[in-house]
PDB file of N, CA and C in Angstrom:
ATOM      1  N   MET A   1       0.896  -1.291  -0.063  1.00  0.00           N
ATOM      2  CA  MET A   1      -0.003   0.282   0.179  1.00  0.00           C
ATOM      3  C   MET A   1       0.864   1.097  -0.107  1.00  0.00           C
ATOM      4  N   VAL A   2       1.782   1.297   0.675  1.00  0.00           N
ATOM      5  CA  VAL A   2       3.191   2.304   1.082  1.00  0.00           C
ATOM      6  C   VAL A   2       3.739   2.614  -0.391  1.00  0.00           C
ATOM      7  N   ASP A   3       4.308   1.441  -1.727  1.00  0.00           N
ATOM      8  CA  ASP A   3       4.814   1.735  -2.221  1.00  0.00           C
ATOM      9  C   ASP A   3       3.663   2.137  -3.420  1.00  0.00           C
ATOM     10  N   ALA A   4       2.375   1.923  -3.213  1.00  0.00           N
ATOM     11  CA  ALA A   4       1.286   2.341  -4.099  1.00  0.00           C
ATOM     12  C   ALA A   4       1.553   4.139  -3.784  1.00  0.00           C
ATOM     13  N   ILE A   5       0.973   4.199  -2.696  1.00  0.00           N
ATOM     14  CA  ILE A   5       0.914   5.967  -2.404  1.00  0.00           C
ATOM     15  C   ILE A   5       2.271   6.640  -2.939  1.00  0.00           C
ATOM     16  N   LEU A   6       3.070   5.895  -2.601  1.00  0.00           N
ATOM     17  CA  LEU A   6       4.626   6.219  -2.887  1.00  0.00           C
ATOM     18  C   LEU A   6       4.685   6.934  -4.602  1.00  0.00           C
ATOM     19  N   GLN A   7       4.447   5.698  -5.547  1.00  0.00           N
ATOM     20  CA  GLN A   7       3.966   6.185  -6.440  1.00  0.00           C
ATOM     21  C   GLN A   7       2.842   6.600  -7.563  1.00  0.00           C
ATOM     22  N   GLY A   8       2.048   7.520  -6.647  1.00  0.00           N
ATOM     23  CA  GLY A   8       1.168   8.129  -6.785  1.00  0.00           C
ATOM     24  C   GLY A   8      -0.459   7.873  -7.091  1.00  0.00           C
ATOM     25  N   PHE A   9      -0.349   6.652  -6.252  1.00  0.00           N
ATOM     26  CA  PHE A   9      -1.903   6.352  -6.816  1.00  0.00           C
ATOM     27  C   PHE A   9      -2.669   6.762  -5.062  1.00  0.00           C
ATOM     28  N   PRO A  10      -3.527   7.306  -5.760  1.00  0.00           N
ATOM     29  CA  PRO A  10      -4.901   8.310  -4.691  1.00  0.00           C
ATOM     30  C   PRO A  10      -5.332   7.388  -3.222  1.00  0.00           C
ATOM     31  N   PRO A  11      -4.457   7.816  -2.167  1.00  0.00           N
ATOM     32  CA  PRO A  11      -4.907   7.211  -1.239  1.00  0.00           C
ATOM     33  C   PRO A  11      -6.548   6.760  -1.087  1.00  0.00           C
ATOM     34  N   THR A  12      -7.324   7.693  -1.576  1.00  0.00           N
ATOM     35  CA  THR A  12      -8.903   7.580  -1.043  1.00  0.00           C
ATOM     36  C   THR A  12      -9.597   6.370  -2.071  1.00  0.00           C
ATOM     37  N   LYS A  13      -8.886   6.211  -3.333  1.00  0.00           N
ATOM     38  CA  LYS A  13      -8.893   4.922  -4.034  1.00  0.00           C
ATOM     39  C   LYS A  13      -8.573   3.544  -3.492  1.00  0.00           C
ATOM     40  N   LEU A  14      -7.516   3.852  -2.963  1.00  0.00           N
ATOM     41  CA  LEU A  14      -6.785   3.038  -2.420  1.00  0.00           C
ATOM     42  C   LEU A  14      -7.675   2.296  -0.961  1.00  0.00           C
ATOM     43  N   LYS A  15      -8.393   3.022  -0.379  1.00  0.00           N
ATOM     44  CA  LYS A  15      -9.122   2.947   0.742  1.00  0.00           C
ATOM     45  C   LYS A  15     -10.157   2.515   0.364  1.00  0.00           C
ATOM     46  N   ASP A  16     -10.947   2.811  -0.960  1.00  0.00           N
ATOM     47  CA  ASP A  16     -12.218   2.644  -1.529  1.00  0.00           C
ATOM     48  C   ASP A  16     -11.660   0.659  -1.599  1.00  0.00           C
ATOM     49  N   LYS A  17     -10.694   0.449  -2.500  1.00  0.00           N
ATOM     50  CA  LYS A  17     -10.603  -0.948  -2.915  1.00  0.00           C
ATOM     51  C   LYS A  17     -10.268  -1.674  -1.578  1.00  0.00           C
ATOM     52  N   ALA A  18      -9.539  -0.993  -0.320  1.00  0.00           N
ATOM     53  CA  ALA A  18      -9.582  -2.170   0.682  1.00  0.00           C
ATOM     54  C   ALA A  18     -10.745  -2.539   0.906  1.00  0.00           C
ATOM     55  N   GLU A  19     -11.965  -1.236   1.417  1.00  0.00           N
ATOM     56  CA  GLU A  19     -13.272  -1.582   2.065  1.00  0.00           C
ATOM     57  C   GLU A  19     -14.116  -2.741   1.021  1.00  0.00           C
ATOM     58  N   LYS A  20     -13.883  -2.576  -0.240  1.00  0.00           N
ATOM     59  CA  LYS A  20     -14.366  -3.296  -0.874  1.00  0.00           C
ATOM     60  C   LYS A  20     -14.223  -5.040  -1.107  1.00  0.00           C
ATOM     61  N   LEU A  21     -12.649  -5.224  -0.516  1.00  0.00           N
ATOM     62  CA  LEU A  21     -12.484  -6.133  -0.536  1.00  0.00           C
ATOM     63  C   LEU A  21     -12.471  -6.990   0.980  1.00  0.00           C
ATOM     64  N   GLU A  22     -12.847  -6.161   1.649  1.00  0.00           N
ATOM     65  CA  GLU A  22     -12.962  -6.637   3.139  1.00  0.00           C
ATOM     66  C   GLU A  22     -14.539  -6.930   3.105  1.00  0.00           C
ATOM     67  N   ALA A  23     -15.061  -6.447   2.392  1.00  0.00           N
ATOM     68  CA  ALA A  23     -16.667  -6.397   2.314  1.00  0.00           C
ATOM     69  C   ALA A  23     -16.673  -8.039   1.438  1.00  0.00           C
ATOM     70  N   ARG A  24     -15.918  -7.991   0.232  1.00  0.00           N
ATOM     71  CA  ARG A  24     -15.884  -9.352   0.162  1.00  0.00           C
ATOM     72  C   ARG A  24     -15.483 -10.514   0.643  1.00  0.00           C
ATOM     73  N   LYS A  25     -14.744 -10.082   1.283  1.00  0.00           N
ATOM     74  CA  LYS A  25     -13.984 -11.197   2.188  1.00  0.00           C
ATOM     75  C   LYS A  25     -15.233 -11.752   3.305  1.00  0.00           C
ATOM     76  N   ALA A  26     -15.729 -10.532   4.143  1.00  0.00           N
ATOM     77  CA  ALA A  26     -16.963 -10.889   4.791  1.00  0.00           C
ATOM     78  C   ALA A  26     -17.869 -11.822   4.119  1.00  0.00           C
ATOM     79  N   GLU A  27     -18.260 -11.558   2.860  1.00  0.00           N
ATOM     80  CA  GLU A  27     -19.410 -12.140   2.404  1.00  0.00           C
ATOM     81  C   GLU A  27     -19.122 -13.376   1.946  1.00  0.00           C
ATOM     82  N   LEU A  28     -17.712 -13.481   1.520  1.00  0.00           N
ATOM     83  CA  LEU A  28     -17.284 -14.767   1.420  1.00  0.00           C
ATOM     84  C   LEU A  28     -16.928 -16.164   2.326  1.00  0.00           C
ATOM     85  N   THR A  29     -16.661 -15.481   3.584  1.00  0.00           N
ATOM     86  CA  THR A  29     -16.791 -15.915   4.732  1.00  0.00           C
ATOM     87  C   THR A  29     -18.317 -16.230   5.355  1.00  0.00           C
ATOM     88  N   GLU A  30     -18.978 -15.579   5.414  1.00  0.00           N
ATOM     89  CA  GLU A  30     -20.547 -16.050   5.575  1.00  0.00           C
ATOM     90  C   GLU A  30     -20.713 -16.923   4.818  1.00  0.00           C
ATOM     91  N   LEU A  31     -20.637 -17.014   3.343  1.00  0.00           N
ATOM     92  CA  LEU A  31     -21.133 -18.432   2.457  1.00  0.00           C
ATOM     93  C   LEU A  31     -20.686 -19.848   3.027  1.00  0.00           C
ATOM     94  N   LEU A  32     -19.232 -19.888   3.259  1.00  0.00           N
ATOM     95  CA  LEU A  32     -18.290 -20.758   3.433  1.00  0.00           C
ATOM     96  C   LEU A  32     -19.126 -21.316   5.093  1.00  0.00           C
ATOM     97  N   ASP A  33     -19.269 -20.176   6.336  1.00  0.00           N
ATOM     98  CA  ASP A  33     -20.147 -20.812   7.117  1.00  0.00           C
ATOM     99  C   ASP A  33     -21.420 -21.378   7.298  1.00  0.00           C
ATOM    100  N   ASN A  34     -22.177 -21.023   6.195  1.00  0.00           N
ATOM    101  CA  ASN A  34     -23.283 -21.723   6.320  1.00  0.00           C
ATOM    102  C   ASN A  34     -23.352 -22.557   5.129  1.00  0.00           C
ATOM    103  N   ALA A  35     -22.498 -22.963   4.374  1.00  0.00           N
ATOM    104  CA  ALA A  35     -22.546 -23.872   3.658  1.00  0.00           C
ATOM    105  C   ALA A  35     -22.830 -25.338   3.913  1.00  0.00           C
ATOM    106  N   ASP A  36     -23.661 -25.932   3.450  1.00  0.00           N
ATOM    107  CA  ASP A  36     -23.588 -27.783   3.519  1.00  0.00           C
ATOM    108  C   ASP A  36     -22.114 -28.258   3.807  1.00  0.00           C
ATOM    109  N   GLU A  37     -22.291 -29.168   4.328  1.00  0.00           N
ATOM    110  CA  GLU A  37     -21.037 -30.014   4.336  1.00  0.00           C
ATOM    111  C   GLU A  37     -20.615 -30.927   3.097  1.00  0.00           C
ATOM    112  N   PRO A  38     -20.101 -31.078   2.270  1.00  0.00           N
ATOM    113  CA  PRO A  38     -20.261 -31.916   0.829  1.00  0.00           C
ATOM    114  C   PRO A  38     -20.214 -33.534   1.420  1.00  0.00           C
ATOM    115  N   PRO A  39     -20.571 -34.516   1.072  1.00  0.00           N
ATOM    116  CA  PRO A  39     -20.907 -35.803   1.346  1.00  0.00           C
ATOM    117  C   PRO A  39     -19.362 -36.043   1.404  1.00  0.00           C
ATOM    118  N   PRO A  40     -18.859 -37.077   1.922  1.00  0.00           N
ATOM    119  CA  PRO A  40     -17.556 -37.968   1.363  1.00  0.00           C
ATOM    120  C   PRO A  40     -17.316 -38.643  -0.012  1.00  0.00           C
ATOM    121  N   LEU A  41     -16.361 -38.483  -0.132  1.00  0.00           N
ATOM    122  CA  LEU A  41     -15.946 -39.007  -1.926  1.00  0.00           C
ATOM    123  C   LEU A  41     -15.636 -40.233  -1.852  1.00  0.00           C
ATOM    124  N   LEU A  42     -15.166 -41.098  -0.590  1.00  0.00           N
ATOM    125  CA  LEU A  42     -15.587 -42.032  -0.409  1.00  0.00           C
ATOM    126  C   LEU A  42     -16.089 -42.992   0.534  1.00  0.00           C
ATOM    127  N   HIS A  43     -16.978 -43.745   0.538  1.00  0.00           N
ATOM    128  CA  HIS A  43     -17.855 -44.477   1.609  1.00  0.00           C
ATOM    129  C   HIS A  43     -16.998 -44.739   2.258  1.00  0.00           C
ATOM    130  N   PRO A  44     -17.126 -44.498   3.655  1.00  0.00           N
ATOM    131  CA  PRO A  44     -16.127 -45.162   4.715  1.00  0.00           C
ATOM    132  C   PRO A  44     -16.163 -46.838   5.060  1.00  0.00           C
ATOM    133  N   ASN A  45     -16.977 -47.353   4.211  1.00  0.00           N
ATOM    134  CA  ASN A  45     -17.030 -48.940   4.586  1.00  0.00           C
ATOM    135  C   ASN A  45     -17.185 -49.438   3.139  1.00  0.00           C
ATOM    136  N   MET A  46     -16.419 -48.843   2.269  1.00  0.00           N
ATOM    137  CA  MET A  46     -16.615 -48.991   0.530  1.00  0.00           C
ATOM    138  C   MET A  46     -15.514 -50.177   0.664  1.00  0.00           C
ATOM    139  N   ALA A  47     -14.231 -50.979   1.003  1.00  0.00           N
ATOM    140  CA  ALA A  47     -13.683 -51.568   0.613  1.00  0.00           C
ATOM    141  C   ALA A  47     -14.441 -52.983   1.857  1.00  0.00           C
ATOM    142  N   ARG A  48     -15.182 -52.975   2.881  1.00  0.00           N
ATOM    143  CA  ARG A  48     -15.919 -54.278   3.368  1.00  0.00           C
ATOM    144  C   ARG A  48     -17.253 -54.321   2.340  1.00  0.00           C
ATOM    145  N   MET A  49     -17.683 -53.556   1.576  1.00  0.00           N
ATOM    146  CA  MET A  49     -18.944 -53.445   1.142  1.00  0.00           C
ATOM    147  C   MET A  49     -18.180 -54.212  -0.329  1.00  0.00           C
ATOM    148  N   TYR A  50     -17.153 -53.835  -1.144  1.00  0.00           N
ATOM    149  CA  TYR A  50     -16.765 -54.498  -1.934  1.00  0.00           C
ATOM    150  C   TYR A  50     -16.334 -56.079  -1.434  1.00  0.00           C
ATOM    151  N   GLN A  51     -15.299 -55.916  -0.556  1.00  0.00           N
ATOM    152  CA  GLN A  51     -15.540 -57.418  -0.169  1.00  0.00           C
ATOM    153  C   GLN A  51     -16.274 -58.222  -0.059  1.00  0.00           C
ATOM    154  N   ASP A  52     -17.289 -57.617   0.595  1.00  0.00           N
ATOM    155  CA  ASP A  52     -18.988 -58.720   0.566  1.00  0.00           C
ATOM    156  C   ASP A  52     -19.463 -59.173  -0.388  1.00  0.00           C
ATOM    157  N   ARG A  53     -19.290 -58.139  -1.670  1.00  0.00           N
ATOM    158  CA  ARG A  53     -19.639 -58.088  -2.922  1.00  0.00           C
ATOM    159  C   ARG A  53     -19.250 -59.281  -3.902  1.00  0.00           C
ATOM    160  N   VAL A  54     -17.796 -59.539  -3.662  1.00  0.00           N
ATOM    161  CA  VAL A  54     -16.935 -60.317  -4.020  1.00  0.00           C
ATOM    162  C   VAL A  54     -17.313 -61.822  -3.448  1.00  0.00           C
ATOM    163  N   ALA A  55     -17.007 -61.709  -2.146  1.00  0.00           N
ATOM    164  CA  ALA A  55     -17.371 -63.047  -1.493  1.00  0.00           C
ATOM    165  C   ALA A  55     -19.037 -63.724  -1.908  1.00  0.00           C
ATOM    166  N   LYS A  56     -19.800 -63.025  -2.141  1.00  0.00           N
ATOM    167  CA  LYS A  56     -21.029 -63.215  -1.945  1.00  0.00           C
ATOM    168  C   LYS A  56     -21.077 -64.097  -3.957  1.00  0.00           C
ATOM    169  N   LEU A  57     -20.330 -63.512  -4.401  1.00  0.00           N
ATOM    170  CA  LEU A  57     -20.083 -63.497  -5.948  1.00  0.00           C
ATOM    171  C   LEU A  57     -19.417 -64.850  -6.294  1.00  0.00           C
ATOM    172  N   CYS A  58     -18.686 -64.965  -5.252  1.00  0.00           N
ATOM    173  CA  CYS A  58     -17.578 -66.389  -5.445  1.00  0.00           C
ATOM    174  C   CYS A  58     -18.847 -67.680  -4.934  1.00  0.00           C
ATOM    175  N   GLU A  59     -19.399 -66.997  -4.294  1.00  0.00           N
ATOM    176  CA  GLU A  59     -20.323 -67.926  -3.082  1.00  0.00           C
ATOM    177  C   GLU A  59     -21.561 -68.986  -4.524  1.00  0.00           C
ATOM    178  N   ASN A  60     -21.572 -67.615  -5.490  1.00  0.00           N
ATOM    179  CA  ASN A  60     -22.809 -67.985  -6.231  1.00  0.00           C
ATOM    180  C   ASN A  60     -22.264 -68.588  -7.254  1.00  0.00           C
ATOM    181  N   LEU A  61     -21.499 -68.479  -7.502  1.00  0.00           N
ATOM    182  CA  LEU A  61     -20.544 -69.387  -8.798  1.00  0.00           C
ATOM    183  C   LEU A  61     -20.262 -70.847  -8.536  1.00  0.00           C
ATOM    184  N   GLN A  62     -20.056 -70.898  -7.488  1.00  0.00           N
ATOM    185  CA  GLN A  62     -20.574 -72.353  -6.892  1.00  0.00           C
ATOM    186  C   GLN A  62     -21.132 -73.245  -6.863  1.00  0.00           C
ATOM    187  N   SER A  63     -22.064 -72.735  -7.317  1.00  0.00           N
ATOM    188  CA  SER A  63     -23.834 -73.515  -7.784  1.00  0.00           C
ATOM    189  C   SER A  63     -24.216 -72.872  -8.719  1.00  0.00           C
ATOM    190  N   GLU A  64     -24.865 -74.299  -9.381  1.00  0.00           N
ATOM    191  CA  GLU A  64     -25.574 -74.006 -10.685  1.00  0.00           C
ATOM    192  C   GLU A  64     -26.601 -73.026 -10.448  1.00  0.00           C
ATOM    193  N   GLU A  65     -27.126 -73.730  -9.666  1.00  0.00           N
ATOM    194  CA  GLU A  65     -28.274 -72.704  -9.594  1.00  0.00           C
ATOM    195  C   GLU A  65     -28.735 -71.397  -8.860  1.00  0.00           C
ATOM    196  N   ASP A  66     -27.245 -70.927  -8.613  1.00  0.00           N
ATOM    197  CA  ASP A  66     -26.892 -69.669  -7.715  1.00  0.00           C
ATOM    198  C   ASP A  66     -26.315 -68.675  -8.776  1.00  0.00           C
ATOM    199  N   ARG A  67     -26.440 -69.400  -9.996  1.00  0.00           N
ATOM    200  CA  ARG A  67     -25.374 -68.403 -11.130  1.00  0.00           C
ATOM    201  C   ARG A  67     -26.101 -67.018 -11.421  1.00  0.00           C
ATOM    202  N   GLY A  68     -27.406 -67.665 -11.803  1.00  0.00           N
ATOM    203  CA  GLY A  68     -28.653 -66.164 -11.845  1.00  0.00           C
ATOM    204  C   GLY A  68     -27.910 -65.100 -10.861  1.00  0.00           C
ATOM    205  N   ALA A  69     -28.190 -65.509  -9.791  1.00  0.00           N
ATOM    206  CA  ALA A  69     -27.688 -64.493  -9.039  1.00  0.00           C
ATOM    207  C   ALA A  69     -26.161 -63.662  -9.157  1.00  0.00           C
ATOM    208  N   ALA A  70     -25.031 -64.787  -9.659  1.00  0.00           N
ATOM    209  CA  ALA A  70     -23.821 -63.988  -9.541  1.00  0.00           C
ATOM    210  C   ALA A  70     -24.054 -62.658 -10.524  1.00  0.00           C
ATOM    211  N   VAL A  71     -24.868 -63.237 -11.519  1.00  0.00           N
ATOM    212  CA  VAL A  71     -24.526 -62.104 -12.871  1.00  0.00           C
ATOM    213  C   VAL A  71     -25.597 -60.972 -11.844  1.00  0.00           C
ATOM    214  N   ASP A  72     -26.478 -60.829 -11.164  1.00  0.00           N
ATOM    215  CA  ASP A  72     -26.611 -59.313 -10.257  1.00  0.00           C
ATOM    216  C   ASP A  72     -25.223 -59.103  -9.625  1.00  0.00           C
ATOM    217  N   VAL A  73     -24.817 -59.912  -9.104  1.00  0.00           N
ATOM    218  CA  VAL A  73     -23.762 -59.487  -7.986  1.00  0.00           C
ATOM    219  C   VAL A  73     -22.740 -58.662  -8.773  1.00  0.00           C
ATOM    220  N   LEU A  74     -22.380 -59.270  -9.898  1.00  0.00           N
ATOM    221  CA  LEU A  74     -21.545 -59.005 -10.954  1.00  0.00           C
ATOM    222  C   LEU A  74     -21.834 -57.258 -11.623  1.00  0.00           C
ATOM    223  N   ARG A  75     -23.119 -56.765 -12.230  1.00  0.00           N
ATOM    224  CA  ARG A  75     -23.813 -55.725 -12.797  1.00  0.00           C
ATOM    225  C   ARG A  75     -23.633 -54.640 -11.215  1.00  0.00           C
ATOM    226  N   SER A  76     -23.336 -55.341  -9.996  1.00  0.00           N
ATOM    227  CA  SER A  76     -23.654 -54.524  -9.017  1.00  0.00           C
ATOM    228  C   SER A  76     -22.345 -53.921  -8.690  1.00  0.00           C
ATOM    229  N   LEU A  77     -21.334 -54.801  -8.867  1.00  0.00           N
ATOM    230  CA  LEU A  77     -20.162 -54.426  -8.909  1.00  0.00           C
ATOM    231  C   LEU A  77     -19.135 -53.250 -10.354  1.00  0.00           C
ATOM    232  N   VAL A  78     -20.046 -53.661 -11.524  1.00  0.00           N
ATOM    233  CA  VAL A  78     -19.097 -53.166 -12.462  1.00  0.00           C
ATOM    234  C   VAL A  78     -20.523 -52.265 -13.461  1.00  0.00           C
ATOM    235  N   ASP A  79     -20.112 -50.761 -13.851  1.00  0.00           N
ATOM    236  CA  ASP A  79     -21.339 -50.407 -14.702  1.00  0.00           C
ATOM    237  C   ASP A  79     -20.656 -50.577 -16.106  1.00  0.00           C
ATOM    238  N   GLU A  80     -19.445 -50.281 -16.383  1.00  0.00           N
ATOM    239  CA  GLU A  80     -18.758 -49.690 -17.571  1.00  0.00           C
ATOM    240  C   GLU A  80     -17.407 -50.853 -17.654  1.00  0.00           C
ATOM    241  N   ILE A  81     -17.480 -51.431 -18.831  1.00  0.00           N
ATOM    242  CA  ILE A  81     -16.199 -52.175 -19.300  1.00  0.00           C
ATOM    243  C   ILE A  81     -15.185 -51.503 -20.615  1.00  0.00           C
ATOM    244  N   THR A  82     -14.055 -50.504 -20.353  1.00  0.00           N
ATOM    245  CA  THR A  82     -13.818 -50.120 -21.547  1.00  0.00           C
ATOM    246  C   THR A  82     -12.613 -51.290 -21.858  1.00  0.00           C
ATOM    247  N   LEU A  83     -12.499 -51.284 -23.570  1.00  0.00           N
ATOM    248  CA  LEU A  83     -11.268 -51.794 -24.116  1.00  0.00           C
ATOM    249  C   LEU A  83     -10.308 -50.767 -24.499  1.00  0.00           C
ATOM    250  N   VAL A  84      -9.237 -50.205 -23.891  1.00  0.00           N
ATOM    251  CA  VAL A  84      -7.905 -49.107 -24.764  1.00  0.00           C
ATOM    252  C   VAL A  84      -7.182 -49.671 -25.238  1.00  0.00           C
ATOM    253  N   PRO A  85      -6.987 -49.203 -26.615  1.00  0.00           N
ATOM    254  CA  PRO A  85      -5.405 -49.934 -26.839  1.00  0.00           C
ATOM    255  C   PRO A  85      -4.471 -49.453 -26.592  1.00  0.00           C
ATOM    256  N   GLU A  86      -3.361 -50.078 -26.341  1.00  0.00           N
ATOM    257  CA  GLU A  86      -2.021 -49.468 -25.897  1.00  0.00           C
ATOM    258  C   GLU A  86      -0.779 -50.614 -26.599  1.00  0.00           C
ATOM    259  N   ASN A  87       0.289 -49.913 -27.223  1.00  0.00           N
ATOM    260  CA  ASN A  87       1.297 -50.573 -27.813  1.00  0.00           C
ATOM    261  C   ASN A  87       0.466 -51.906 -28.355  1.00  0.00           C
ATOM    262  N   GLY A  88      -0.360 -51.790 -29.315  1.00  0.00           N
ATOM    263  CA  GLY A  88      -0.785 -53.316 -30.169  1.00  0.00           C
ATOM    264  C   GLY A  88      -1.411 -53.987 -29.147  1.00  0.00           C
ATOM    265  N   GLU A  89      -1.768 -53.613 -28.051  1.00  0.00           N
ATOM    266  CA  GLU A  89      -2.449 -54.816 -27.185  1.00  0.00           C
ATOM    267  C   GLU A  89      -3.514 -53.846 -26.569  1.00  0.00           C
ATOM    268  N   HIS A  90      -4.718 -54.576 -25.871  1.00  0.00           N
ATOM    269  CA  HIS A  90      -6.088 -53.717 -25.246  1.00  0.00           C
ATOM    270  C   HIS A  90      -5.783 -53.868 -23.588  1.00  0.00           C
ATOM    271  N   SER A  91      -6.151 -52.665 -23.061  1.00  0.00           N
ATOM    272  CA  SER A  91      -6.044 -52.551 -21.391  1.00  0.00           C
ATOM    273  C   SER A  91      -7.523 -52.436 -20.947  1.00  0.00           C
ATOM    274  N   ILE A  92      -8.206 -53.436 -20.136  1.00  0.00           N
ATOM    275  CA  ILE A  92      -9.452 -53.399 -19.535  1.00  0.00           C
ATOM    276  C   ILE A  92      -9.411 -52.401 -18.669  1.00  0.00           C
ATOM    277  N   VAL A  93     -10.435 -51.633 -19.144  1.00  0.00           N
ATOM    278  CA  VAL A  93     -10.636 -50.591 -17.856  1.00  0.00           C
ATOM    279  C   VAL A  93     -11.967 -50.635 -17.176  1.00  0.00           C
ATOM    280  N   LEU A  94     -11.842 -51.513 -15.943  1.00  0.00           N
ATOM    281  CA  LEU A  94     -13.792 -51.585 -15.449  1.00  0.00           C
ATOM    282  C   LEU A  94     -14.277 -50.005 -14.419  1.00  0.00           C
ATOM    283  N   ARG A  95     -15.353 -49.757 -14.394  1.00  0.00           N
ATOM    284  CA  ARG A  95     -15.714 -48.939 -14.067  1.00  0.00           C
ATOM    285  C   ARG A  95     -16.879 -49.145 -13.065  1.00  0.00           C
ATOM    286  N   GLY A  96     -16.847 -48.772 -11.927  1.00  0.00           N
ATOM    287  CA  GLY A  96     -17.984 -49.098 -11.099  1.00  0.00           C
ATOM    288  C   GLY A  96     -18.300 -47.982 -10.097  1.00  0.00           C
ATOM    289  N   ASP A  97     -19.474 -48.263  -9.469  1.00  0.00           N
ATOM    290  CA  ASP A  97     -19.886 -47.365  -8.048  1.00  0.00           C
ATOM    291  C   ASP A  97     -19.554 -48.611  -7.185  1.00  0.00           C
ATOM    292  N   LEU A  98     -17.840 -48.476  -6.900  1.00  0.00           N
ATOM    293  CA  LEU A  98     -17.831 -49.341  -5.791  1.00  0.00           C
ATOM    294  C   LEU A  98     -18.582 -49.231  -4.083  1.00  0.00           C
ATOM    295  N   GLY A  99     -18.238 -48.017  -3.680  1.00  0.00           N
ATOM    296  CA  GLY A  99     -18.695 -47.721  -2.916  1.00  0.00           C
ATOM    297  C   GLY A  99     -20.340 -47.145  -2.242  1.00  0.00           C
ATOM    298  N   GLY A 100     -21.090 -47.642  -3.335  1.00  0.00           N
ATOM    299  CA  GLY A 100     -22.284 -46.938  -3.296  1.00  0.00           C
ATOM    300  C   GLY A 100     -23.454 -47.961  -2.684  1.00  0.00           C
ATOM    301  N   ASP A 101     -24.739 -48.014  -2.778  1.00  0.00           N
ATOM    302  CA  ASP A 101     -25.735 -49.038  -2.337  1.00  0.00           C
ATOM    303  C   ASP A 101     -26.251 -49.002  -4.068  1.00  0.00           C
ATOM    304  N   PRO A 102     -26.085 -50.421  -3.996  1.00  0.00           N
ATOM    305  CA  PRO A 102     -26.562 -50.597  -5.656  1.00  0.00           C
ATOM    306  C   PRO A 102     -27.729 -50.848  -5.533  1.00  0.00           C
ATOM    307  N   ALA A 103     -28.901 -50.810  -4.894  1.00  0.00           N
ATOM    308  CA  ALA A 103     -29.886 -50.666  -4.632  1.00  0.00           C
ATOM    309  C   ALA A 103     -30.293 -49.045  -4.816  1.00  0.00           C
ATOM    310  N   LEU A 104     -29.634 -47.895  -4.913  1.00  0.00           N
ATOM    311  CA  LEU A 104     -30.004 -46.849  -4.799  1.00  0.00           C
ATOM    312  C   LEU A 104     -29.774 -45.998  -5.992  1.00  0.00           C
ATOM    313  N   ARG A 105     -28.905 -47.040  -6.902  1.00  0.00           N
ATOM    314  CA  ARG A 105     -28.104 -46.680  -7.677  1.00  0.00           C
ATOM    315  C   ARG A 105     -29.283 -46.226  -9.184  1.00  0.00           C
ATOM    316  N   ARG A 106     -28.789 -45.478 -10.400  1.00  0.00           N
ATOM    317  CA  ARG A 106     -29.578 -45.567 -11.836  1.00  0.00           C
ATOM    318  C   ARG A 106     -29.073 -46.853 -12.297  1.00  0.00           C
ATOM    319  N   ARG A 107     -30.185 -47.351 -12.953  1.00  0.00           N
ATOM    320  CA  ARG A 107     -29.761 -48.391 -14.255  1.00  0.00           C
ATOM    321  C   ARG A 107     -30.220 -47.954 -15.406  1.00  0.00           C
TER     322      ARG A 107
END
């Protein structure tokens, strides 16, 4: 601020600018104080849920009569399968909502 004044910047304009910045800071602080907390990015039990689904999948694959249930478990684990070409070969990319409740997901 001192350098601005020494370079000829009018002190009244500097004061106006500082007041506007303080008002904006107060506005932003109030917005942050009243903002809702975002949901967690990762479900806290994601690893356990995934482990349970994979265990259920293995269990269902052991029985001929439960193989249909295995398909449902697989669908709950994987939403999208993408083949990506890399150096003359393909990588497989699996995408899914591993941490969410499959009953709440959109189909």
